[in-house]
C-alpha atoms as a PDB file:
ATOM      1  CA  THR A   1     -29.554 -64.375  45.736  1.00  0.00           C
ATOM      2  CA  THR A   2     -29.201 -61.830  48.521  1.00  0.00           C
ATOM      3  CA  ILE A   3     -32.001 -60.100  50.411  1.00  0.00           C
ATOM      4  CA  ALA A   4     -31.031 -56.881  48.680  1.00  0.00           C
ATOM      5  CA  GLU A   5     -31.356 -58.489  45.242  1.00  0.00           C
ATOM      6  CA  CYS A   6     -34.763 -60.055  45.813  1.00  0.00           C
ATOM      7  CA  CYS A   7     -36.441 -57.621  48.192  1.00  0.00           C
ATOM      8  CA  ILE A   8     -34.876 -54.188  47.870  1.00  0.00           C
ATOM      9  CA  LYS A   9     -33.809 -54.025  44.239  1.00  0.00           C
ATOM     10  CA  PRO A  10     -37.415 -54.111  42.926  1.00  0.00           C
ATOM     11  CA  PHE A  11     -38.122 -50.972  44.954  1.00  0.00           C
ATOM     12  CA  ILE A  12     -34.942 -49.295  43.693  1.00  0.00           C
ATOM     13  CA  LEU A  13     -36.053 -49.982  40.129  1.00  0.00           C
ATOM     14  CA  LYS A  14     -39.196 -47.896  40.805  1.00  0.00           C
ATOM     15  CA  LEU A  15     -37.161 -44.777  41.677  1.00  0.00           C
ATOM     16  CA  PRO A  16     -36.663 -41.876  39.257  1.00  0.00           C
ATOM     17  CA  THR A  17     -33.637 -42.445  37.014  1.00  0.00           C
ATOM     18  CA  PRO A  18     -31.010 -40.276  38.779  1.00  0.00           C
ATOM     19  CA  TYR A  19     -31.673 -41.916  42.156  1.00  0.00           C
ATOM     20  CA  ARG A  20     -32.116 -45.411  40.754  1.00  0.00           C
ATOM     21  CA  GLU A  21     -28.827 -45.124  38.878  1.00  0.00           C
ATOM     22  CA  ALA A  22     -26.963 -43.775  41.922  1.00  0.00           C
ATOM     23  CA  LEU A  23     -28.182 -46.551  44.225  1.00  0.00           C
ATOM     24  CA  LEU A  24     -27.670 -49.366  41.732  1.00  0.00           C
ATOM     25  CA  ILE A  25     -24.105 -48.253  41.053  1.00  0.00           C
ATOM     26  CA  THR A  26     -23.065 -47.638  44.656  1.00  0.00           C
ATOM     27  CA  GLU A  27     -24.927 -50.499  46.305  1.00  0.00           C
ATOM     28  CA  PHE A  28     -24.864 -53.290  43.727  1.00  0.00           C
ATOM     29  CA  GLN A  29     -21.688 -52.539  41.780  1.00  0.00           C
ATOM     30  CA  ASP A  30     -19.742 -51.588  44.931  1.00  0.00           C
ATOM     31  CA  ILE A  31     -18.604 -48.278  43.408  1.00  0.00           C
ATOM     32  CA  SER A  32     -17.722 -45.447  45.798  1.00  0.00           C
ATOM     33  CA  GLN A  33     -19.636 -42.180  45.742  1.00  0.00           C
ATOM     34  CA  LYS A  34     -16.452 -40.467  44.585  1.00  0.00           C
ATOM     35  CA  ASP A  35     -16.215 -42.843  41.623  1.00  0.00           C
ATOM     36  CA  LEU A  36     -19.946 -42.385  41.014  1.00  0.00           C
ATOM     37  CA  ALA A  37     -19.370 -38.634  40.692  1.00  0.00           C
ATOM     38  CA  GLU A  38     -16.663 -39.202  38.094  1.00  0.00           C
ATOM     39  CA  ARG A  39     -18.743 -41.759  36.207  1.00  0.00           C
ATOM     40  CA  LEU A  40     -21.787 -39.463  36.045  1.00  0.00           C
ATOM     41  CA  ASN A  41     -19.726 -36.320  35.510  1.00  0.00           C
ATOM     42  CA  VAL A  42     -21.211 -34.586  38.560  1.00  0.00           C
ATOM     43  CA  SER A  43     -19.613 -33.078  41.647  1.00  0.00           C
ATOM     44  CA  TYR A  44     -18.833 -35.300  44.611  1.00  0.00           C
ATOM     45  CA  SER A  45     -21.419 -33.434  46.715  1.00  0.00           C
ATOM     46  CA  GLY A  46     -23.935 -33.920  43.892  1.00  0.00           C
ATOM     47  CA  ALA A  47     -23.287 -37.659  43.866  1.00  0.00           C
ATOM     48  CA  LYS A  48     -23.622 -37.840  47.646  1.00  0.00           C
ATOM     49  CA  SER A  49     -26.926 -35.967  47.425  1.00  0.00           C
ATOM     50  CA  ARG A  50     -28.272 -38.355  44.800  1.00  0.00           C
ATOM     51  CA  VAL A  51     -27.415 -41.363  46.932  1.00  0.00           C
ATOM     52  CA  GLN A  52     -28.890 -39.792  50.092  1.00  0.00           C
ATOM     53  CA  ARG A  53     -32.089 -38.661  48.356  1.00  0.00           C
ATOM     54  CA  GLY A  54     -32.349 -42.034  46.651  1.00  0.00           C
ATOM     55  CA  LYS A  55     -32.174 -43.774  50.027  1.00  0.00           C
ATOM     56  CA  GLU A  56     -34.856 -41.452  51.419  1.00  0.00           C
ATOM     57  CA  LYS A  57     -37.121 -42.129  48.430  1.00  0.00           C
ATOM     58  CA  LEU A  58     -36.436 -45.856  48.719  1.00  0.00           C
ATOM     59  CA  LYS A  59     -37.393 -45.828  52.394  1.00  0.00           C
ATOM     60  CA  ALA A  60     -40.631 -44.001  51.541  1.00  0.00           C
ATOM     61  CA  LEU A  61     -41.510 -46.588  48.867  1.00  0.00           C
ATOM     62  CA  ILE A  62     -40.896 -49.452  51.277  1.00  0.00           C
ATOM     63  CA  LEU A  63     -42.895 -47.807  54.072  1.00  0.00           C
ATOM     64  CA  ASP A  64     -45.782 -47.049  51.700  1.00  0.00           C
ATOM     65  CA  CYS A  65     -45.911 -50.708  50.750  1.00  0.00           C
ATOM     66  CA  CYS A  66     -45.010 -52.636  53.889  1.00  0.00           C
ATOM     67  CA  ALA A  67     -46.148 -52.393  57.490  1.00  0.00           C
ATOM     68  CA  PHE A  68     -42.832 -51.584  59.122  1.00  0.00           C
ATOM     69  CA  GLN A  69     -42.253 -49.225  61.997  1.00  0.00           C
ATOM     70  CA  ASN A  70     -39.343 -46.898  62.769  1.00  0.00           C
ATOM     71  CA  ASP A  71     -37.395 -46.827  65.996  1.00  0.00           C
ATOM     72  CA  LYS A  72     -36.661 -43.472  67.654  1.00  0.00           C
ATOM     73  CA  TYR A  73     -33.622 -43.068  65.382  1.00  0.00           C
ATOM     74  CA  GLY A  74     -35.598 -43.590  62.168  1.00  0.00           C
ATOM     75  CA  ASN A  75     -34.312 -47.128  61.551  1.00  0.00           C
ATOM     76  CA  LEU A  76     -36.759 -49.666  60.117  1.00  0.00           C
ATOM     77  CA  MET A  77     -37.917 -52.378  62.496  1.00  0.00           C
ATOM     78  CA  ASP A  78     -39.792 -55.579  61.766  1.00  0.00           C
ATOM     79  CA  ALA A  79     -43.523 -55.310  62.258  1.00  0.00           C
ATOM     80  CA  ASP A  80     -45.394 -57.909  64.310  1.00  0.00           C
ATOM     81  CA  THR A  81     -47.733 -58.535  61.403  1.00  0.00           C
ATOM     82  CA  LYS A  82     -45.964 -57.938  58.142  1.00  0.00           C
ATOM     83  CA  ASN A  83     -48.105 -56.640  55.340  1.00  0.00           C
ATOM     84  CA  CYS A  84     -45.776 -56.596  52.399  1.00  0.00           C
ATOM     85  CA  SER A  85     -47.560 -57.877  49.345  1.00  0.00           C
ATOM     86  CA  CYS A  86     -46.144 -55.477  46.792  1.00  0.00           C
ATOM     87  CA  SER A  87     -43.279 -56.254  44.455  1.00  0.00           C
END
């Protein structure tokens, strides 16, 4: 089991359907965003938007739940005292 499977996937499953579907397909089925667009019958830019918005929503869910900080570029960093008790 990978970190993504055990720690990130539960958060993805809490996302609204369009974003959940886009992230599960591109991240766990290793399907390109171009192929995602074809599969969902949406434009390529629409598929890219779903993935990007899904990642933003995912980050918000994780930050709401866990005590992580961002660096100056917006990347998640480990917190000194982790407070991540949600699942």
